[in-house]
Amino acid sequence: MSVITVRALNSDDRAAWEPLWRGYLDFYRTSQTAELKDLVWRRILDAGEPIHGLAAVAEGRIIGIVHYVFHRATWSATDYCYLEDLFTSPDARGKGVGRALIEAVYERARVHGSTRVYWLTHETNAPARLLYDQVAEFAGFIQYRKAIG
């Protein structure tokens, strides 16, 4: 694989972003309506939104995406950065794409003034956890949730 570059997603990336986003949703056995997918895309591109998206590119092709959100925190005077979604194309796995995307989020968090980047993954996502254990600290928290509405 050639050099991996990471850049912000832009309006021309929709056709390349969508299959990766669908792959991410499929991995977590969920789906979205076309309307919600359109809303997510618009939010990623809207500079006024706290949601941002990056693309990993190699040989002119988007091979991975990451979405992240800046938000206030009750434990810090600075914003935290939630790395919400990370997905690489199956043919690009194990080649440094995930690490490049995470490192790019770290850099954007530093520039933003955030003091923490954090994320969740499913406990069965062993391949990703091998990487995550190298680039971050497992904090031991367990997530609980309740759908409202």
C-alpha atoms as a PDB file:
ATOM      1  CA  MET A   1       0.000   0.000   0.000  1.00  0.00           C
ATOM      2  CA  SER A   2       1.209   3.468  -0.814  1.00  0.00           C
ATOM      3  CA  VAL A   3       1.421   6.341   1.619  1.00  0.00           C
ATOM      4  CA  ILE A   4      -1.744   6.962   3.635  1.00  0.00           C
ATOM      5  CA  THR A   5      -2.855  10.571   3.906  1.00  0.00           C
ATOM      6  CA  VAL A   6      -5.654  11.783   6.134  1.00  0.00           C
ATOM      7  CA  ARG A   7      -7.771  14.789   5.276  1.00  0.00           C
ATOM      8  CA  ALA A   8     -11.152  16.274   6.084  1.00  0.00           C
ATOM      9  CA  LEU A   9     -14.119  14.802   4.269  1.00  0.00           C
ATOM     10  CA  ASN A  10     -15.547  17.181   1.675  1.00  0.00           C
ATOM     11  CA  SER A  11     -18.707  17.386  -0.411  1.00  0.00           C
ATOM     12  CA  ASP A  12     -17.100  15.445  -3.291  1.00  0.00           C
ATOM     13  CA  ASP A  13     -16.528  12.415  -1.014  1.00  0.00           C
ATOM     14  CA  ARG A  14     -20.146  11.286  -0.563  1.00  0.00           C
ATOM     15  CA  ALA A  15     -19.947   8.410  -3.072  1.00  0.00           C
ATOM     16  CA  ALA A  16     -16.796   7.016  -1.401  1.00  0.00           C
ATOM     17  CA  TRP A  17     -17.975   7.707   2.168  1.00  0.00           C
ATOM     18  CA  GLU A  18     -21.336   5.989   1.853  1.00  0.00           C
ATOM     19  CA  PRO A  19     -20.138   2.372   1.304  1.00  0.00           C
ATOM     20  CA  LEU A  20     -17.704   2.725   4.215  1.00  0.00           C
ATOM     21  CA  TRP A  21     -20.445   4.161   6.422  1.00  0.00           C
ATOM     22  CA  ARG A  22     -22.747   1.302   5.379  1.00  0.00           C
ATOM     23  CA  GLY A  23     -19.962  -1.176   6.212  1.00  0.00           C
ATOM     24  CA  TYR A  24     -19.634   0.370   9.668  1.00  0.00           C
ATOM     25  CA  LEU A  25     -23.381   0.146  10.253  1.00  0.00           C
ATOM     26  CA  ASP A  26     -23.442  -3.453   8.980  1.00  0.00           C
ATOM     27  CA  PHE A  27     -20.612  -4.375  11.365  1.00  0.00           C
ATOM     28  CA  TYR A  28     -22.734  -3.193  14.285  1.00  0.00           C
ATOM     29  CA  ARG A  29     -25.844  -4.848  12.801  1.00  0.00           C
ATOM     30  CA  THR A  30     -27.789  -1.645  12.406  1.00  0.00           C
ATOM     31  CA  SER A  31     -29.063   0.526   9.607  1.00  0.00           C
ATOM     32  CA  GLN A  32     -30.226   4.051   8.904  1.00  0.00           C
ATOM     33  CA  THR A  33     -32.936   5.550   6.798  1.00  0.00           C
ATOM     34  CA  ALA A  34     -31.851   7.518   3.756  1.00  0.00           C
ATOM     35  CA  GLU A  35     -33.033  10.669   5.532  1.00  0.00           C
ATOM     36  CA  LEU A  36     -30.846  10.036   8.572  1.00  0.00           C
ATOM     37  CA  LYS A  37     -27.844   9.180   6.396  1.00  0.00           C
ATOM     38  CA  ASP A  38     -28.353  12.489   4.554  1.00  0.00           C
ATOM     39  CA  LEU A  39     -28.567  14.343   7.878  1.00  0.00           C
ATOM     40  CA  VAL A  40     -25.342  12.721   9.136  1.00  0.00           C
ATOM     41  CA  TRP A  41     -23.566  13.707   5.923  1.00  0.00           C
ATOM     42  CA  ARG A  42     -24.814  17.299   6.130  1.00  0.00           C
ATOM     43  CA  ARG A  43     -23.688  17.549   9.763  1.00  0.00           C
ATOM     44  CA  ILE A  44     -20.208  16.287   8.899  1.00  0.00           C
ATOM     45  CA  LEU A  45     -19.846  18.990   6.250  1.00  0.00           C
ATOM     46  CA  ASP A  46     -21.369  21.827   8.312  1.00  0.00           C
ATOM     47  CA  ALA A  47     -18.600  23.913   9.909  1.00  0.00           C
ATOM     48  CA  GLY A  48     -21.094  25.034  12.574  1.00  0.00           C
ATOM     49  CA  GLU A  49     -21.625  21.478  13.816  1.00  0.00           C
ATOM     50  CA  PRO A  50     -19.440  19.797  16.461  1.00  0.00           C
ATOM     51  CA  ILE A  51     -19.317  16.628  14.309  1.00  0.00           C
ATOM     52  CA  HIS A  52     -16.348  16.244  11.963  1.00  0.00           C
ATOM     53  CA  GLY A  53     -15.204  13.598   9.508  1.00  0.00           C
ATOM     54  CA  LEU A  54     -11.863  12.543   8.105  1.00  0.00           C
ATOM     55  CA  ALA A  55     -10.906  10.295   5.223  1.00  0.00           C
ATOM     56  CA  ALA A  56      -7.845   8.078   4.924  1.00  0.00           C
ATOM     57  CA  VAL A  57      -6.677   8.096   1.313  1.00  0.00           C
ATOM     58  CA  ALA A  58      -4.199   5.835  -0.472  1.00  0.00           C
ATOM     59  CA  GLU A  59      -3.566   5.653  -4.205  1.00  0.00           C
ATOM     60  CA  GLY A  60      -6.346   8.191  -4.771  1.00  0.00           C
ATOM     61  CA  ARG A  61      -8.987   6.068  -3.020  1.00  0.00           C
ATOM     62  CA  ILE A  62     -10.731   6.625   0.329  1.00  0.00           C
ATOM     63  CA  ILE A  63      -9.977   3.498   2.351  1.00  0.00           C
ATOM     64  CA  GLY A  64     -11.126   4.575   5.803  1.00  0.00           C
ATOM     65  CA  ILE A  65     -13.260   7.099   7.637  1.00  0.00           C
ATOM     66  CA  VAL A  66     -13.553   8.471  11.125  1.00  0.00           C
ATOM     67  CA  HIS A  67     -16.169  10.741  12.696  1.00  0.00           C
ATOM     68  CA  TYR A  68     -15.476  12.666  15.879  1.00  0.00           C
ATOM     69  CA  VAL A  69     -17.351  15.127  18.076  1.00  0.00           C
ATOM     70  CA  PHE A  70     -16.097  17.913  20.334  1.00  0.00           C
ATOM     71  CA  HIS A  71     -18.184  18.465  23.472  1.00  0.00           C
ATOM     72  CA  ARG A  72     -18.101  20.150  26.857  1.00  0.00           C
ATOM     73  CA  ALA A  73     -17.221  18.057  29.877  1.00  0.00           C
ATOM     74  CA  THR A  74     -18.106  18.345  33.538  1.00  0.00           C
ATOM     75  CA  TRP A  75     -14.677  17.048  34.543  1.00  0.00           C
ATOM     76  CA  SER A  76     -12.621  19.529  32.563  1.00  0.00           C
ATOM     77  CA  ALA A  77     -12.509  23.205  31.636  1.00  0.00           C
ATOM     78  CA  THR A  78     -11.649  22.098  28.088  1.00  0.00           C
ATOM     79  CA  ASP A  79     -13.656  20.163  25.545  1.00  0.00           C
ATOM     80  CA  TYR A  80     -13.329  16.416  25.173  1.00  0.00           C
ATOM     81  CA  CYS A  81     -13.252  14.703  21.808  1.00  0.00           C
ATOM     82  CA  TYR A  82     -15.412  11.649  21.270  1.00  0.00           C
ATOM     83  CA  LEU A  83     -14.159   9.464  18.433  1.00  0.00           C
ATOM     84  CA  GLU A  84     -17.576   8.157  17.461  1.00  0.00           C
ATOM     85  CA  ASP A  85     -17.116   6.010  14.357  1.00  0.00           C
ATOM     86  CA  LEU A  86     -14.043   4.453  12.740  1.00  0.00           C
ATOM     87  CA  PHE A  87     -14.103   2.110   9.766  1.00  0.00           C
ATOM     88  CA  THR A  88     -11.581   0.908   7.204  1.00  0.00           C
ATOM     89  CA  SER A  89     -12.254  -0.989   4.010  1.00  0.00           C
ATOM     90  CA  PRO A  90     -11.645  -4.728   4.490  1.00  0.00           C
ATOM     91  CA  ASP A  91      -8.782  -4.762   1.960  1.00  0.00           C
ATOM     92  CA  ALA A  92      -6.964  -2.014   3.876  1.00  0.00           C
ATOM     93  CA  ARG A  93      -7.086  -3.575   7.351  1.00  0.00           C
ATOM     94  CA  GLY A  94      -3.849  -4.265   9.174  1.00  0.00           C
ATOM     95  CA  LYS A  95      -1.998  -1.701   7.063  1.00  0.00           C
ATOM     96  CA  GLY A  96      -1.962   1.293   9.415  1.00  0.00           C
ATOM     97  CA  VAL A  97      -5.174   2.976   8.264  1.00  0.00           C
ATOM     98  CA  GLY A  98      -6.944   2.846  11.632  1.00  0.00           C
ATOM     99  CA  ARG A  99      -3.843   4.102  13.428  1.00  0.00           C
ATOM    100  CA  ALA A 100      -3.469   6.968  10.932  1.00  0.00           C
ATOM    101  CA  LEU A 101      -7.094   8.004  11.459  1.00  0.00           C
ATOM    102  CA  ILE A 102      -6.801   7.864  15.254  1.00  0.00           C
ATOM    103  CA  GLU A 103      -3.562   9.864  15.210  1.00  0.00           C
ATOM    104  CA  ALA A 104      -5.228  12.453  12.965  1.00  0.00           C
ATOM    105  CA  VAL A 105      -8.081  12.800  15.468  1.00  0.00           C
ATOM    106  CA  TYR A 106      -5.517  13.203  18.261  1.00  0.00           C
ATOM    107  CA  GLU A 107      -3.881  16.033  16.331  1.00  0.00           C
ATOM    108  CA  ARG A 108      -7.176  17.793  15.650  1.00  0.00           C
ATOM    109  CA  ALA A 109      -8.098  17.451  19.321  1.00  0.00           C
ATOM    110  CA  ARG A 110      -4.757  19.043  20.304  1.00  0.00           C
ATOM    111  CA  VAL A 111      -5.345  21.936  17.896  1.00  0.00           C
ATOM    112  CA  HIS A 112      -8.906  22.347  19.230  1.00  0.00           C
ATOM    113  CA  GLY A 113      -7.598  22.453  22.811  1.00  0.00           C
ATOM    114  CA  SER A 114      -9.239  19.212  23.926  1.00  0.00           C
ATOM    115  CA  THR A 115      -7.588  17.359  26.768  1.00  0.00           C
ATOM    116  CA  ARG A 116      -9.066  13.921  26.104  1.00  0.00           C
ATOM    117  CA  VAL A 117     -10.002  11.720  23.159  1.00  0.00           C
ATOM    118  CA  TYR A 118     -12.094   8.683  23.966  1.00  0.00           C
ATOM    119  CA  TRP A 119     -14.212   6.086  22.200  1.00  0.00           C
ATOM    120  CA  LEU A 120     -16.227   2.910  22.623  1.00  0.00           C
ATOM    121  CA  THR A 121     -16.037  -0.415  20.843  1.00  0.00           C
ATOM    122  CA  HIS A 122     -17.832  -3.687  21.262  1.00  0.00           C
ATOM    123  CA  GLU A 123     -16.068  -6.134  23.558  1.00  0.00           C
ATOM    124  CA  THR A 124     -16.021  -8.712  20.751  1.00  0.00           C
ATOM    125  CA  ASN A 125     -14.189  -6.398  18.342  1.00  0.00           C
ATOM    126  CA  ALA A 126     -10.872  -8.145  19.008  1.00  0.00           C
ATOM    127  CA  PRO A 127      -8.952  -6.981  15.909  1.00  0.00           C
ATOM    128  CA  ALA A 128      -9.707  -3.317  16.626  1.00  0.00           C
ATOM    129  CA  ARG A 129      -8.968  -3.747  20.319  1.00  0.00           C
ATOM    130  CA  LEU A 130      -5.449  -4.950  19.472  1.00  0.00           C
ATOM    131  CA  LEU A 131      -4.829  -1.567  17.865  1.00  0.00           C
ATOM    132  CA  TYR A 132      -6.675   0.409  20.537  1.00  0.00           C
ATOM    133  CA  ASP A 133      -4.554  -1.190  23.265  1.00  0.00           C
ATOM    134  CA  GLN A 134      -1.476   0.195  21.483  1.00  0.00           C
ATOM    135  CA  VAL A 135      -2.688   3.755  20.955  1.00  0.00           C
ATOM    136  CA  ALA A 136      -4.793   4.418  24.074  1.00  0.00           C
ATOM    137  CA  GLU A 137      -5.533   3.265  27.592  1.00  0.00           C
ATOM    138  CA  PHE A 138      -8.464   0.962  28.381  1.00  0.00           C
ATOM    139  CA  ALA A 139     -10.281   2.823  31.161  1.00  0.00           C
ATOM    140  CA  GLY A 140     -12.438  -0.101  32.276  1.00  0.00           C
ATOM    141  CA  PHE A 141     -15.804   1.619  31.901  1.00  0.00           C
ATOM    142  CA  ILE A 142     -18.936  -0.274  30.915  1.00  0.00           C
ATOM    143  CA  GLN A 143     -21.635   1.430  28.873  1.00  0.00           C
ATOM    144  CA  TYR A 144     -25.329   1.309  29.768  1.00  0.00           C
ATOM    145  CA  ARG A 145     -28.017   2.719  27.513  1.00  0.00           C
ATOM    146  CA  LYS A 146     -31.745   3.067  27.145  1.00  0.00           C
ATOM    147  CA  ALA A 147     -33.506   4.065  23.961  1.00  0.00           C
ATOM    148  CA  ILE A 148     -35.914   6.930  24.594  1.00  0.00           C
ATOM    149  CA  GLY A 149     -38.755   7.460  22.143  1.00  0.00           C
END
